[in-house]
Amino acid sequence: MFRTIVDPVLVTHRAVGPITLESIARAIRTWLEDERFDPKVPVLWDIRDQPVLISPHVITQGPMKMREDTDRTRAGARSAILVNTFEGELAARRMVDRFPWKIQWGVFHSHTEAFAWLTEDQ
């Protein structure tokens, strides 16, 4: 499950429980349907301190619909994944590196570095 914080310069999806493919998809759908949705605003996925309950197979096969929705609505935008565990980084890199996304992805251990990268062209 994710808690979403909408700010004029950044949207943050903060994991507040175990991370599943369903919880990620739900957060994406909720943001796309939000009246404040702006495809140009960068998105930070903060998955620190939460277990990733997605098998390696699902990580490499499952995100197709999410990728289609994200690419269609946010092509050219930036999203970052903030991690602090090996498990989280491995899951993030598998998802990001597996598919040709139309958005730019970054995986970071530092919130400061992630924010700087997400907002450097604004």
PDB file of N, CA and C in Angstrom:
ATOM      1  N   MET A   1       0.843  -1.176   0.000  1.00  0.00           N
ATOM      2  CA  MET A   1       0.000   0.000   0.000  1.00  0.00           C
ATOM      3  C   MET A   1       0.892   1.244   0.000  1.00  0.00           C
ATOM      4  N   PHE A   2       0.405   2.266  -0.684  1.00  0.00           N
ATOM      5  CA  PHE A   2       1.155   3.517  -0.782  1.00  0.00           C
ATOM      6  C   PHE A   2       0.297   4.690  -0.315  1.00  0.00           C
ATOM      7  N   ARG A   3       0.952   5.648   0.299  1.00  0.00           N
ATOM      8  CA  ARG A   3       0.330   6.936   0.617  1.00  0.00           C
ATOM      9  C   ARG A   3       0.893   7.922  -0.403  1.00  0.00           C
ATOM     10  N   THR A   4       0.017   8.652  -1.078  1.00  0.00           N
ATOM     11  CA  THR A   4       0.448   9.580  -2.119  1.00  0.00           C
ATOM     12  C   THR A   4       0.370  11.011  -1.610  1.00  0.00           C
ATOM     13  N   ILE A   5       1.457  11.735  -1.814  1.00  0.00           N
ATOM     14  CA  ILE A   5       1.545  13.141  -1.430  1.00  0.00           C
ATOM     15  C   ILE A   5       1.742  13.938  -2.717  1.00  0.00           C
ATOM     16  N   VAL A   6       0.812  14.842  -3.008  1.00  0.00           N
ATOM     17  CA  VAL A   6       0.862  15.637  -4.228  1.00  0.00           C
ATOM     18  C   VAL A   6       1.344  17.035  -3.882  1.00  0.00           C
ATOM     19  N   ASP A   7       2.429  17.427  -4.518  1.00  0.00           N
ATOM     20  CA  ASP A   7       3.036  18.730  -4.329  1.00  0.00           C
ATOM     21  C   ASP A   7       3.169  19.337  -5.733  1.00  0.00           C
ATOM     22  N   PRO A   8       3.171  20.639  -5.876  1.00  0.00           N
ATOM     23  CA  PRO A   8       3.283  21.227  -7.228  1.00  0.00           C
ATOM     24  C   PRO A   8       4.543  20.819  -7.997  1.00  0.00           C
ATOM     25  N   VAL A   9       5.621  20.465  -7.295  1.00  0.00           N
ATOM     26  CA  VAL A   9       6.859  20.106  -7.992  1.00  0.00           C
ATOM     27  C   VAL A   9       7.205  18.626  -7.914  1.00  0.00           C
ATOM     28  N   LEU A  10       6.478  17.842  -7.112  1.00  0.00           N
ATOM     29  CA  LEU A  10       6.811  16.434  -6.959  1.00  0.00           C
ATOM     30  C   LEU A  10       5.622  15.666  -6.393  1.00  0.00           C
ATOM     31  N   VAL A  11       5.394  14.494  -6.954  1.00  0.00           N
ATOM     32  CA  VAL A  11       4.416  13.560  -6.396  1.00  0.00           C
ATOM     33  C   VAL A  11       5.214  12.438  -5.748  1.00  0.00           C
ATOM     34  N   THR A  12       4.894  12.128  -4.499  1.00  0.00           N
ATOM     35  CA  THR A  12       5.590  11.058  -3.786  1.00  0.00           C
ATOM     36  C   THR A  12       4.602   9.960  -3.439  1.00  0.00           C
ATOM     37  N   HIS A  13       4.940   8.740  -3.860  1.00  0.00           N
ATOM     38  CA  HIS A  13       4.198   7.556  -3.456  1.00  0.00           C
ATOM     39  C   HIS A  13       5.074   6.883  -2.395  1.00  0.00           C
ATOM     40  N   ARG A  14       4.654   6.953  -1.140  1.00  0.00           N
ATOM     41  CA  ARG A  14       5.425   6.397  -0.022  1.00  0.00           C
ATOM     42  C   ARG A  14       4.818   5.065   0.391  1.00  0.00           C
ATOM     43  N   ALA A  15       5.615   4.004   0.318  1.00  0.00           N
ATOM     44  CA  ALA A  15       5.145   2.684   0.733  1.00  0.00           C
ATOM     45  C   ALA A  15       4.909   2.690   2.242  1.00  0.00           C
ATOM     46  N   VAL A  16       3.732   2.251   2.648  1.00  0.00           N
ATOM     47  CA  VAL A  16       3.379   2.193   4.067  1.00  0.00           C
ATOM     48  C   VAL A  16       3.023   0.765   4.471  1.00  0.00           C
ATOM     49  N   GLY A  17       3.392  -0.170   3.652  1.00  0.00           N
ATOM     50  CA  GLY A  17       3.156  -1.588   3.919  1.00  0.00           C
ATOM     51  C   GLY A  17       3.877  -2.390   2.859  1.00  0.00           C
ATOM     52  N   PRO A  18       3.752  -3.693   2.910  1.00  0.00           N
ATOM     53  CA  PRO A  18       4.419  -4.540   1.918  1.00  0.00           C
ATOM     54  C   PRO A  18       4.075  -4.115   0.485  1.00  0.00           C
ATOM     55  N   ILE A  19       5.068  -4.193  -0.370  1.00  0.00           N
ATOM     56  CA  ILE A  19       4.908  -3.743  -1.744  1.00  0.00           C
ATOM     57  C   ILE A  19       4.551  -4.929  -2.633  1.00  0.00           C
ATOM     58  N   THR A  20       3.417  -4.807  -3.298  1.00  0.00           N
ATOM     59  CA  THR A  20       2.967  -5.818  -4.244  1.00  0.00           C
ATOM     60  C   THR A  20       2.730  -5.143  -5.586  1.00  0.00           C
ATOM     61  N   LEU A  21       2.636  -5.946  -6.625  1.00  0.00           N
ATOM     62  CA  LEU A  21       2.331  -5.390  -7.936  1.00  0.00           C
ATOM     63  C   LEU A  21       0.968  -4.692  -7.908  1.00  0.00           C
ATOM     64  N   GLU A  22       0.044  -5.266  -7.163  1.00  0.00           N
ATOM     65  CA  GLU A  22      -1.290  -4.680  -7.057  1.00  0.00           C
ATOM     66  C   GLU A  22      -1.246  -3.312  -6.367  1.00  0.00           C
ATOM     67  N   SER A  23      -0.419  -3.191  -5.316  1.00  0.00           N
ATOM     68  CA  SER A  23      -0.355  -1.903  -4.614  1.00  0.00           C
ATOM     69  C   SER A  23       0.277  -0.826  -5.494  1.00  0.00           C
ATOM     70  N   ILE A  24       1.239  -1.206  -6.316  1.00  0.00           N
ATOM     71  CA  ILE A  24       1.847  -0.251  -7.246  1.00  0.00           C
ATOM     72  C   ILE A  24       0.815   0.172  -8.292  1.00  0.00           C
ATOM     73  N   ALA A  25       0.109  -0.805  -8.861  1.00  0.00           N
ATOM     74  CA  ALA A  25      -0.901  -0.505  -9.880  1.00  0.00           C
ATOM     75  C   ALA A  25      -2.000   0.392  -9.310  1.00  0.00           C
ATOM     76  N   ARG A  26      -2.402   0.130  -8.073  1.00  0.00           N
ATOM     77  CA  ARG A  26      -3.441   0.938  -7.431  1.00  0.00           C
ATOM     78  C   ARG A  26      -2.963   2.387  -7.261  1.00  0.00           C
ATOM     79  N   ALA A  27      -1.711   2.563  -6.833  1.00  0.00           N
ATOM     80  CA  ALA A  27      -1.172   3.920  -6.659  1.00  0.00           C
ATOM     81  C   ALA A  27      -1.118   4.659  -8.000  1.00  0.00           C
ATOM     82  N   ILE A  28      -0.726   3.965  -9.048  1.00  0.00           N
ATOM     83  CA  ILE A  28      -0.673   4.586 -10.377  1.00  0.00           C
ATOM     84  C   ILE A  28      -2.074   4.998 -10.829  1.00  0.00           C
ATOM     85  N   ARG A  29      -3.026   4.084 -10.710  1.00  0.00           N
ATOM     86  CA  ARG A  29      -4.405   4.391 -11.129  1.00  0.00           C
ATOM     87  C   ARG A  29      -4.972   5.568 -10.339  1.00  0.00           C
ATOM     88  N   THR A  30      -4.730   5.571  -9.038  1.00  0.00           N
ATOM     89  CA  THR A  30      -5.247   6.648  -8.189  1.00  0.00           C
ATOM     90  C   THR A  30      -4.675   7.992  -8.625  1.00  0.00           C
ATOM     91  N   TRP A  31      -3.379   8.038  -8.923  1.00  0.00           N
ATOM     92  CA  TRP A  31      -2.747   9.285  -9.347  1.00  0.00           C
ATOM     93  C   TRP A  31      -3.256   9.709 -10.723  1.00  0.00           C
ATOM     94  N   LEU A  32      -3.391   8.762 -11.661  1.00  0.00           N
ATOM     95  CA  LEU A  32      -3.874   9.112 -12.995  1.00  0.00           C
ATOM     96  C   LEU A  32      -5.303   9.657 -12.962  1.00  0.00           C
ATOM     97  N   GLU A  33      -6.088   9.214 -11.991  1.00  0.00           N
ATOM     98  CA  GLU A  33      -7.482   9.651 -11.883  1.00  0.00           C
ATOM     99  C   GLU A  33      -7.654  10.887 -10.985  1.00  0.00           C
ATOM    100  N   ASP A  34      -6.594  11.316 -10.325  1.00  0.00           N
ATOM    101  CA  ASP A  34      -6.662  12.469  -9.427  1.00  0.00           C
ATOM    102  C   ASP A  34      -6.850  13.746 -10.241  1.00  0.00           C
ATOM    103  N   GLU A  35      -7.711  14.636  -9.764  1.00  0.00           N
ATOM    104  CA  GLU A  35      -7.963  15.901 -10.475  1.00  0.00           C
ATOM    105  C   GLU A  35      -6.718  16.767 -10.560  1.00  0.00           C
ATOM    106  N   ARG A  36      -5.751  16.540  -9.681  1.00  0.00           N
ATOM    107  CA  ARG A  36      -4.503  17.325  -9.694  1.00  0.00           C
ATOM    108  C   ARG A  36      -3.448  16.718 -10.599  1.00  0.00           C
ATOM    109  N   PHE A  37      -3.770  15.619 -11.283  1.00  0.00           N
ATOM    110  CA  PHE A  37      -2.798  14.931 -12.136  1.00  0.00           C
ATOM    111  C   PHE A  37      -2.201  15.882 -13.159  1.00  0.00           C
ATOM    112  N   ASP A  38      -0.884  15.901 -13.218  1.00  0.00           N
ATOM    113  CA  ASP A  38      -0.137  16.675 -14.205  1.00  0.00           C
ATOM    114  C   ASP A  38       0.974  15.774 -14.709  1.00  0.00           C
ATOM    115  N   PRO A  39       0.947  15.387 -15.962  1.00  0.00           N
ATOM    116  CA  PRO A  39       1.931  14.431 -16.472  1.00  0.00           C
ATOM    117  C   PRO A  39       3.370  14.916 -16.428  1.00  0.00           C
ATOM    118  N   LYS A  40       3.559  16.229 -16.297  1.00  0.00           N
ATOM    119  CA  LYS A  40       4.920  16.776 -16.270  1.00  0.00           C
ATOM    120  C   LYS A  40       5.561  16.746 -14.888  1.00  0.00           C
ATOM    121  N   VAL A  41       4.761  16.574 -13.846  1.00  0.00           N
ATOM    122  CA  VAL A  41       5.302  16.568 -12.484  1.00  0.00           C
ATOM    123  C   VAL A  41       6.039  15.247 -12.256  1.00  0.00           C
ATOM    124  N   PRO A  42       7.302  15.309 -11.825  1.00  0.00           N
ATOM    125  CA  PRO A  42       8.042  14.078 -11.570  1.00  0.00           C
ATOM    126  C   PRO A  42       7.457  13.302 -10.390  1.00  0.00           C
ATOM    127  N   VAL A  43       7.731  11.999 -10.393  1.00  0.00           N
ATOM    128  CA  VAL A  43       7.179  11.105  -9.371  1.00  0.00           C
ATOM    129  C   VAL A  43       8.305  10.374  -8.656  1.00  0.00           C
ATOM    130  N   LEU A  44       8.220  10.360  -7.330  1.00  0.00           N
ATOM    131  CA  LEU A  44       9.169   9.625  -6.489  1.00  0.00           C
ATOM    132  C   LEU A  44       8.440   8.463  -5.836  1.00  0.00           C
ATOM    133  N   TRP A  45       8.961   7.263  -6.041  1.00  0.00           N
ATOM    134  CA  TRP A  45       8.442   6.058  -5.389  1.00  0.00           C
ATOM    135  C   TRP A  45       9.380   5.748  -4.231  1.00  0.00           C
ATOM    136  N   ASP A  46       8.935   5.974  -3.029  1.00  0.00           N
ATOM    137  CA  ASP A  46       9.750   5.748  -1.832  1.00  0.00           C
ATOM    138  C   ASP A  46       9.384   4.380  -1.251  1.00  0.00           C
ATOM    139  N   ILE A  47      10.231   3.388  -1.515  1.00  0.00           N
ATOM    140  CA  ILE A  47       9.940   2.027  -1.038  1.00  0.00           C
ATOM    141  C   ILE A  47      10.870   1.623   0.106  1.00  0.00           C
ATOM    142  N   ARG A  48      11.483   2.612   0.734  1.00  0.00           N
ATOM    143  CA  ARG A  48      12.383   2.310   1.847  1.00  0.00           C
ATOM    144  C   ARG A  48      11.634   1.646   2.993  1.00  0.00           C
ATOM    145  N   ASP A  49      12.322   0.733   3.638  1.00  0.00           N
ATOM    146  CA  ASP A  49      11.858   0.090   4.873  1.00  0.00           C
ATOM    147  C   ASP A  49      10.617  -0.785   4.715  1.00  0.00           C
ATOM    148  N   GLN A  50      10.257  -1.143   3.485  1.00  0.00           N
ATOM    149  CA  GLN A  50       9.108  -2.020   3.287  1.00  0.00           C
ATOM    150  C   GLN A  50       9.524  -3.235   2.454  1.00  0.00           C
ATOM    151  N   PRO A  51       9.000  -4.398   2.794  1.00  0.00           N
ATOM    152  CA  PRO A  51       9.364  -5.588   2.027  1.00  0.00           C
ATOM    153  C   PRO A  51       8.717  -5.575   0.635  1.00  0.00           C
ATOM    154  N   VAL A  52       9.463  -6.064  -0.338  1.00  0.00           N
ATOM    155  CA  VAL A  52       8.956  -6.184  -1.700  1.00  0.00           C
ATOM    156  C   VAL A  52       8.451  -7.608  -1.869  1.00  0.00           C
ATOM    157  N   LEU A  53       7.145  -7.767  -2.000  1.00  0.00           N
ATOM    158  CA  LEU A  53       6.537  -9.089  -2.111  1.00  0.00           C
ATOM    159  C   LEU A  53       6.157  -9.384  -3.557  1.00  0.00           C
ATOM    160  N   ILE A  54       7.134  -9.226  -4.419  1.00  0.00           N
ATOM    161  CA  ILE A  54       6.940  -9.486  -5.841  1.00  0.00           C
ATOM    162  C   ILE A  54       8.064 -10.418  -6.281  1.00  0.00           C
ATOM    163  N   SER A  55       7.703 -11.538  -6.856  1.00  0.00           N
ATOM    164  CA  SER A  55       8.724 -12.508  -7.273  1.00  0.00           C
ATOM    165  C   SER A  55       9.509 -11.952  -8.458  1.00  0.00           C
ATOM    166  N   PRO A  56      10.754 -12.404  -8.639  1.00  0.00           N
ATOM    167  CA  PRO A  56      11.548 -11.939  -9.789  1.00  0.00           C
ATOM    168  C   PRO A  56      10.836 -12.158 -11.116  1.00  0.00           C
ATOM    169  N   HIS A  57      10.117 -13.266 -11.261  1.00  0.00           N
ATOM    170  CA  HIS A  57       9.392 -13.532 -12.506  1.00  0.00           C
ATOM    171  C   HIS A  57       8.310 -12.473 -12.744  1.00  0.00           C
ATOM    172  N   VAL A  58       7.560 -12.163 -11.703  1.00  0.00           N
ATOM    173  CA  VAL A  58       6.488 -11.174 -11.833  1.00  0.00           C
ATOM    174  C   VAL A  58       7.066  -9.793 -12.104  1.00  0.00           C
ATOM    175  N   ILE A  59       8.197  -9.471 -11.481  1.00  0.00           N
ATOM    176  CA  ILE A  59       8.834  -8.167 -11.711  1.00  0.00           C
ATOM    177  C   ILE A  59       9.205  -8.011 -13.179  1.00  0.00           C
ATOM    178  N   THR A  60       9.669  -9.085 -13.814  1.00  0.00           N
ATOM    179  CA  THR A  60      10.089  -8.980 -15.209  1.00  0.00           C
ATOM    180  C   THR A  60       8.941  -9.167 -16.193  1.00  0.00           C
ATOM    181  N   GLN A  61       7.801  -9.701 -15.756  1.00  0.00           N
ATOM    182  CA  GLN A  61       6.672  -9.919 -16.655  1.00  0.00           C
ATOM    183  C   GLN A  61       5.465  -9.046 -16.333  1.00  0.00           C
ATOM    184  N   GLY A  62       5.259  -8.734 -15.062  1.00  0.00           N
ATOM    185  CA  GLY A  62       4.033  -8.092 -14.608  1.00  0.00           C
ATOM    186  C   GLY A  62       3.812  -6.648 -14.961  1.00  0.00           C
ATOM    187  N   PRO A  63       4.835  -5.810 -15.060  1.00  0.00           N
ATOM    188  CA  PRO A  63       4.577  -4.366 -15.212  1.00  0.00           C
ATOM    189  C   PRO A  63       4.124  -3.905 -16.594  1.00  0.00           C
ATOM    190  N   MET A  64       3.818  -4.807 -17.505  1.00  0.00           N
ATOM    191  CA  MET A  64       3.469  -4.393 -18.862  1.00  0.00           C
ATOM    192  C   MET A  64       2.308  -3.386 -18.897  1.00  0.00           C
ATOM    193  N   LYS A  65       1.214  -3.653 -18.209  1.00  0.00           N
ATOM    194  CA  LYS A  65       0.067  -2.735 -18.211  1.00  0.00           C
ATOM    195  C   LYS A  65       0.446  -1.407 -17.557  1.00  0.00           C
ATOM    196  N   MET A  66       1.204  -1.479 -16.458  1.00  0.00           N
ATOM    197  CA  MET A  66       1.640  -0.240 -15.806  1.00  0.00           C
ATOM    198  C   MET A  66       2.517   0.577 -16.752  1.00  0.00           C
ATOM    199  N   ARG A  67       3.383  -0.098 -17.482  1.00  0.00           N
ATOM    200  CA  ARG A  67       4.268   0.593 -18.421  1.00  0.00           C
ATOM    201  C   ARG A  67       3.444   1.258 -19.517  1.00  0.00           C
ATOM    202  N   GLU A  68       2.446   0.562 -20.032  1.00  0.00           N
ATOM    203  CA  GLU A  68       1.596   1.136 -21.072  1.00  0.00           C
ATOM    204  C   GLU A  68       0.865   2.382 -20.557  1.00  0.00           C
ATOM    205  N   ASP A  69       0.284   2.297 -19.357  1.00  0.00           N
ATOM    206  CA  ASP A  69      -0.424   3.445 -18.781  1.00  0.00           C
ATOM    207  C   ASP A  69       0.518   4.609 -18.539  1.00  0.00           C
ATOM    208  N   THR A  70       1.669   4.313 -17.973  1.00  0.00           N
ATOM    209  CA  THR A  70       2.640   5.355 -17.650  1.00  0.00           C
ATOM    210  C   THR A  70       3.206   5.986 -18.911  1.00  0.00           C
ATOM    211  N   ASP A  71       3.581   5.160 -19.888  1.00  0.00           N
ATOM    212  CA  ASP A  71       4.137   5.690 -21.128  1.00  0.00           C
ATOM    213  C   ASP A  71       3.119   6.558 -21.866  1.00  0.00           C
ATOM    214  N   ARG A  72       1.862   6.147 -21.856  1.00  0.00           N
ATOM    215  CA  ARG A  72       0.810   6.873 -22.558  1.00  0.00           C
ATOM    216  C   ARG A  72       0.565   8.243 -21.930  1.00  0.00           C
ATOM    217  N   THR A  73       0.618   8.308 -20.623  1.00  0.00           N
ATOM    218  CA  THR A  73       0.251   9.544 -19.936  1.00  0.00           C
ATOM    219  C   THR A  73       1.426  10.423 -19.554  1.00  0.00           C
ATOM    220  N   ARG A  74       2.627   9.848 -19.419  1.00  0.00           N
ATOM    221  CA  ARG A  74       3.734  10.641 -18.887  1.00  0.00           C
ATOM    222  C   ARG A  74       4.996  10.545 -19.739  1.00  0.00           C
ATOM    223  N   ALA A  75       4.902  10.238 -21.019  1.00  0.00           N
ATOM    224  CA  ALA A  75       6.072  10.081 -21.885  1.00  0.00           C
ATOM    225  C   ALA A  75       7.007  11.280 -21.740  1.00  0.00           C
ATOM    226  N   GLY A  76       8.277  11.010 -21.533  1.00  0.00           N
ATOM    227  CA  GLY A  76       9.286  12.046 -21.391  1.00  0.00           C
ATOM    228  C   GLY A  76       9.504  12.535 -19.971  1.00  0.00           C
ATOM    229  N   ALA A  77       8.594  12.205 -19.061  1.00  0.00           N
ATOM    230  CA  ALA A  77       8.726  12.645 -17.665  1.00  0.00           C
ATOM    231  C   ALA A  77       9.736  11.772 -16.922  1.00  0.00           C
ATOM    232  N   ARG A  78      10.002  12.146 -15.688  1.00  0.00           N
ATOM    233  CA  ARG A  78      10.942  11.395 -14.854  1.00  0.00           C
ATOM    234  C   ARG A  78      10.247  10.805 -13.641  1.00  0.00           C
ATOM    235  N   SER A  79      10.692   9.614 -13.288  1.00  0.00           N
ATOM    236  CA  SER A  79      10.266   8.959 -12.050  1.00  0.00           C
ATOM    237  C   SER A  79      11.501   8.342 -11.413  1.00  0.00           C
ATOM    238  N   ALA A  80      11.528   8.336 -10.091  1.00  0.00           N
ATOM    239  CA  ALA A  80      12.655   7.754  -9.367  1.00  0.00           C
ATOM    240  C   ALA A  80      12.125   6.802  -8.309  1.00  0.00           C
ATOM    241  N   ILE A  81      12.947   5.800  -8.004  1.00  0.00           N
ATOM    242  CA  ILE A  81      12.626   4.856  -6.948  1.00  0.00           C
ATOM    243  C   ILE A  81      13.684   5.016  -5.870  1.00  0.00           C
ATOM    244  N   LEU A  82      13.233   5.277  -4.659  1.00  0.00           N
ATOM    245  CA  LEU A  82      14.112   5.477  -3.512  1.00  0.00           C
ATOM    246  C   LEU A  82      14.147   4.190  -2.705  1.00  0.00           C
ATOM    247  N   VAL A  83      15.347   3.624  -2.550  1.00  0.00           N
ATOM    248  CA  VAL A  83      15.514   2.326  -1.879  1.00  0.00           C
ATOM    249  C   VAL A  83      16.533   2.436  -0.758  1.00  0.00           C
ATOM    250  N   ASN A  84      16.498   1.479   0.156  1.00  0.00           N
ATOM    251  CA  ASN A  84      17.547   1.402   1.175  1.00  0.00           C
ATOM    252  C   ASN A  84      17.898  -0.037   1.526  1.00  0.00           C
ATOM    253  N   THR A  85      17.441  -0.976   0.697  1.00  0.00           N
ATOM    254  CA  THR A  85      17.799  -2.379   0.902  1.00  0.00           C
ATOM    255  C   THR A  85      18.248  -2.976  -0.420  1.00  0.00           C
ATOM    256  N   PHE A  86      19.024  -4.034  -0.324  1.00  0.00           N
ATOM    257  CA  PHE A  86      19.453  -4.750  -1.526  1.00  0.00           C
ATOM    258  C   PHE A  86      18.235  -5.310  -2.258  1.00  0.00           C
ATOM    259  N   GLU A  87      17.298  -5.867  -1.504  1.00  0.00           N
ATOM    260  CA  GLU A  87      16.075  -6.437  -2.081  1.00  0.00           C
ATOM    261  C   GLU A  87      15.295  -5.372  -2.869  1.00  0.00           C
ATOM    262  N   GLY A  88      15.144  -4.196  -2.290  1.00  0.00           N
ATOM    263  CA  GLY A  88      14.439  -3.111  -2.956  1.00  0.00           C
ATOM    264  C   GLY A  88      15.153  -2.636  -4.206  1.00  0.00           C
ATOM    265  N   GLU A  89      16.469  -2.513  -4.109  1.00  0.00           N
ATOM    266  CA  GLU A  89      17.233  -2.066  -5.275  1.00  0.00           C
ATOM    267  C   GLU A  89      17.169  -3.096  -6.399  1.00  0.00           C
ATOM    268  N   LEU A  90      17.303  -4.370  -6.055  1.00  0.00           N
ATOM    269  CA  LEU A  90      17.244  -5.428  -7.057  1.00  0.00           C
ATOM    270  C   LEU A  90      15.889  -5.416  -7.763  1.00  0.00           C
ATOM    271  N   ALA A  91      14.808  -5.312  -7.004  1.00  0.00           N
ATOM    272  CA  ALA A  91      13.471  -5.276  -7.594  1.00  0.00           C
ATOM    273  C   ALA A  91      13.303  -4.051  -8.493  1.00  0.00           C
ATOM    274  N   ALA A  92      13.745  -2.894  -8.019  1.00  0.00           N
ATOM    275  CA  ALA A  92      13.614  -1.656  -8.795  1.00  0.00           C
ATOM    276  C   ALA A  92      14.403  -1.737 -10.094  1.00  0.00           C
ATOM    277  N   ARG A  93      15.631  -2.193 -10.010  1.00  0.00           N
ATOM    278  CA  ARG A  93      16.465  -2.272 -11.218  1.00  0.00           C
ATOM    279  C   ARG A  93      15.921  -3.289 -12.219  1.00  0.00           C
ATOM    280  N   ARG A  94      15.403  -4.401 -11.732  1.00  0.00           N
ATOM    281  CA  ARG A  94      14.803  -5.389 -12.647  1.00  0.00           C
ATOM    282  C   ARG A  94      13.631  -4.778 -13.406  1.00  0.00           C
ATOM    283  N   MET A  95      12.785  -4.072 -12.690  1.00  0.00           N
ATOM    284  CA  MET A  95      11.614  -3.482 -13.331  1.00  0.00           C
ATOM    285  C   MET A  95      12.018  -2.393 -14.327  1.00  0.00           C
ATOM    286  N   VAL A  96      12.937  -1.549 -13.919  1.00  0.00           N
ATOM    287  CA  VAL A  96      13.346  -0.418 -14.751  1.00  0.00           C
ATOM    288  C   VAL A  96      14.153  -0.868 -15.966  1.00  0.00           C
ATOM    289  N   ASP A  97      15.056  -1.822 -15.771  1.00  0.00           N
ATOM    290  CA  ASP A  97      15.959  -2.232 -16.847  1.00  0.00           C
ATOM    291  C   ASP A  97      15.350  -3.245 -17.809  1.00  0.00           C
ATOM    292  N   ARG A  98      14.287  -3.870 -17.422  1.00  0.00           N
ATOM    293  CA  ARG A  98      13.699  -4.959 -18.212  1.00  0.00           C
ATOM    294  C   ARG A  98      12.956  -4.465 -19.452  1.00  0.00           C
ATOM    295  N   PHE A  99      12.368  -3.288 -19.392  1.00  0.00           N
ATOM    296  CA  PHE A  99      11.499  -2.813 -20.462  1.00  0.00           C
ATOM    297  C   PHE A  99      11.995  -1.484 -21.021  1.00  0.00           C
ATOM    298  N   PRO A 100      11.670  -1.203 -22.287  1.00  0.00           N
ATOM    299  CA  PRO A 100      11.979   0.118 -22.862  1.00  0.00           C
ATOM    300  C   PRO A 100      10.885   1.111 -22.498  1.00  0.00           C
ATOM    301  N   TRP A 101      11.092   1.852 -21.431  1.00  0.00           N
ATOM    302  CA  TRP A 101      10.110   2.820 -20.957  1.00  0.00           C
ATOM    303  C   TRP A 101      10.213   4.105 -21.766  1.00  0.00           C
ATOM    304  N   LYS A 102       9.114   4.839 -21.865  1.00  0.00           N
ATOM    305  CA  LYS A 102       9.125   6.154 -22.504  1.00  0.00           C
ATOM    306  C   LYS A 102       9.337   7.263 -21.485  1.00  0.00           C
ATOM    307  N   ILE A 103       9.384   6.897 -20.211  1.00  0.00           N
ATOM    308  CA  ILE A 103       9.749   7.859 -19.177  1.00  0.00           C
ATOM    309  C   ILE A 103      11.164   7.523 -18.729  1.00  0.00           C
ATOM    310  N   GLN A 104      11.802   8.456 -18.072  1.00  0.00           N
ATOM    311  CA  GLN A 104      13.148   8.225 -17.549  1.00  0.00           C
ATOM    312  C   GLN A 104      13.036   7.743 -16.108  1.00  0.00           C
ATOM    313  N   TRP A 105      13.787   6.709 -15.771  1.00  0.00           N
ATOM    314  CA  TRP A 105      13.792   6.150 -14.422  1.00  0.00           C
ATOM    315  C   TRP A 105      15.161   6.316 -13.783  1.00  0.00           C
ATOM    316  N   GLY A 106      15.174   6.541 -12.493  1.00  0.00           N
ATOM    317  CA  GLY A 106      16.398   6.542 -11.710  1.00  0.00           C
ATOM    318  C   GLY A 106      16.152   5.760 -10.432  1.00  0.00           C
ATOM    319  N   VAL A 107      17.177   5.077  -9.949  1.00  0.00           N
ATOM    320  CA  VAL A 107      17.093   4.345  -8.678  1.00  0.00           C
ATOM    321  C   VAL A 107      18.137   4.954  -7.759  1.00  0.00           C
ATOM    322  N   PHE A 108      17.708   5.374  -6.561  1.00  0.00           N
ATOM    323  CA  PHE A 108      18.581   6.120  -5.657  1.00  0.00           C
ATOM    324  C   PHE A 108      18.497   5.594  -4.229  1.00  0.00           C
ATOM    325  N   HIS A 109      19.588   5.829  -3.471  1.00  0.00           N
ATOM    326  CA  HIS A 109      19.612   5.543  -2.034  1.00  0.00           C
ATOM    327  C   HIS A 109      19.431   6.831  -1.234  1.00  0.00           C
ATOM    328  N   SER A 110      19.618   7.959  -1.870  1.00  0.00           N
ATOM    329  CA  SER A 110      19.550   9.254  -1.200  1.00  0.00           C
ATOM    330  C   SER A 110      18.347  10.052  -1.697  1.00  0.00           C
ATOM    331  N   HIS A 111      17.522  10.515  -0.756  1.00  0.00           N
ATOM    332  CA  HIS A 111      16.377  11.350  -1.122  1.00  0.00           C
ATOM    333  C   HIS A 111      16.855  12.636  -1.784  1.00  0.00           C
ATOM    334  N   THR A 112      17.919  13.217  -1.270  1.00  0.00           N
ATOM    335  CA  THR A 112      18.458  14.463  -1.821  1.00  0.00           C
ATOM    336  C   THR A 112      18.883  14.278  -3.275  1.00  0.00           C
ATOM    337  N   GLU A 113      19.592  13.180  -3.570  1.00  0.00           N
ATOM    338  CA  GLU A 113      20.030  12.916  -4.940  1.00  0.00           C
ATOM    339  C   GLU A 113      18.843  12.640  -5.856  1.00  0.00           C
ATOM    340  N   ALA A 114      17.868  11.880  -5.360  1.00  0.00           N
ATOM    341  CA  ALA A 114      16.682  11.585  -6.164  1.00  0.00           C
ATOM    342  C   ALA A 114      15.936  12.872  -6.499  1.00  0.00           C
ATOM    343  N   PHE A 115      15.721  13.719  -5.505  1.00  0.00           N
ATOM    344  CA  PHE A 115      15.001  14.976  -5.720  1.00  0.00           C
ATOM    345  C   PHE A 115      15.762  15.869  -6.701  1.00  0.00           C
ATOM    346  N   ALA A 116      17.075  15.959  -6.547  1.00  0.00           N
ATOM    347  CA  ALA A 116      17.879  16.790  -7.450  1.00  0.00           C
ATOM    348  C   ALA A 116      17.756  16.292  -8.893  1.00  0.00           C
ATOM    349  N   TRP A 117      17.832  14.989  -9.088  1.00  0.00           N
ATOM    350  CA  TRP A 117      17.718  14.425 -10.430  1.00  0.00           C
ATOM    351  C   TRP A 117      16.310  14.644 -11.004  1.00  0.00           C
ATOM    352  N   LEU A 118      15.300  14.433 -10.183  1.00  0.00           N
ATOM    353  CA  LEU A 118      13.923  14.585 -10.646  1.00  0.00           C
ATOM    354  C   LEU A 118      13.593  16.018 -11.053  1.00  0.00           C
ATOM    355  N   THR A 119      14.174  16.981 -10.388  1.00  0.00           N
ATOM    356  CA  THR A 119      13.808  18.382 -10.633  1.00  0.00           C
ATOM    357  C   THR A 119      14.869  19.184 -11.380  1.00  0.00           C
ATOM    358  N   GLU A 120      15.924  18.561 -11.871  1.00  0.00           N
ATOM    359  CA  GLU A 120      17.021  19.332 -12.463  1.00  0.00           C
ATOM    360  C   GLU A 120      16.628  20.076 -13.731  1.00  0.00           C
ATOM    361  N   ASP A 121      15.621  19.656 -14.445  1.00  0.00           N
ATOM    362  CA  ASP A 121      15.239  20.361 -15.675  1.00  0.00           C
ATOM    363  C   ASP A 121      14.025  21.257 -15.498  1.00  0.00           C
ATOM    364  N   GLN A 122      13.550  21.401 -14.282  1.00  0.00           N
ATOM    365  CA  GLN A 122      12.348  22.228 -14.057  1.00  0.00           C
ATOM    366  C   GLN A 122      12.715  23.669 -13.866  1.00  0.00           C
TER     367      GLN A 122
END
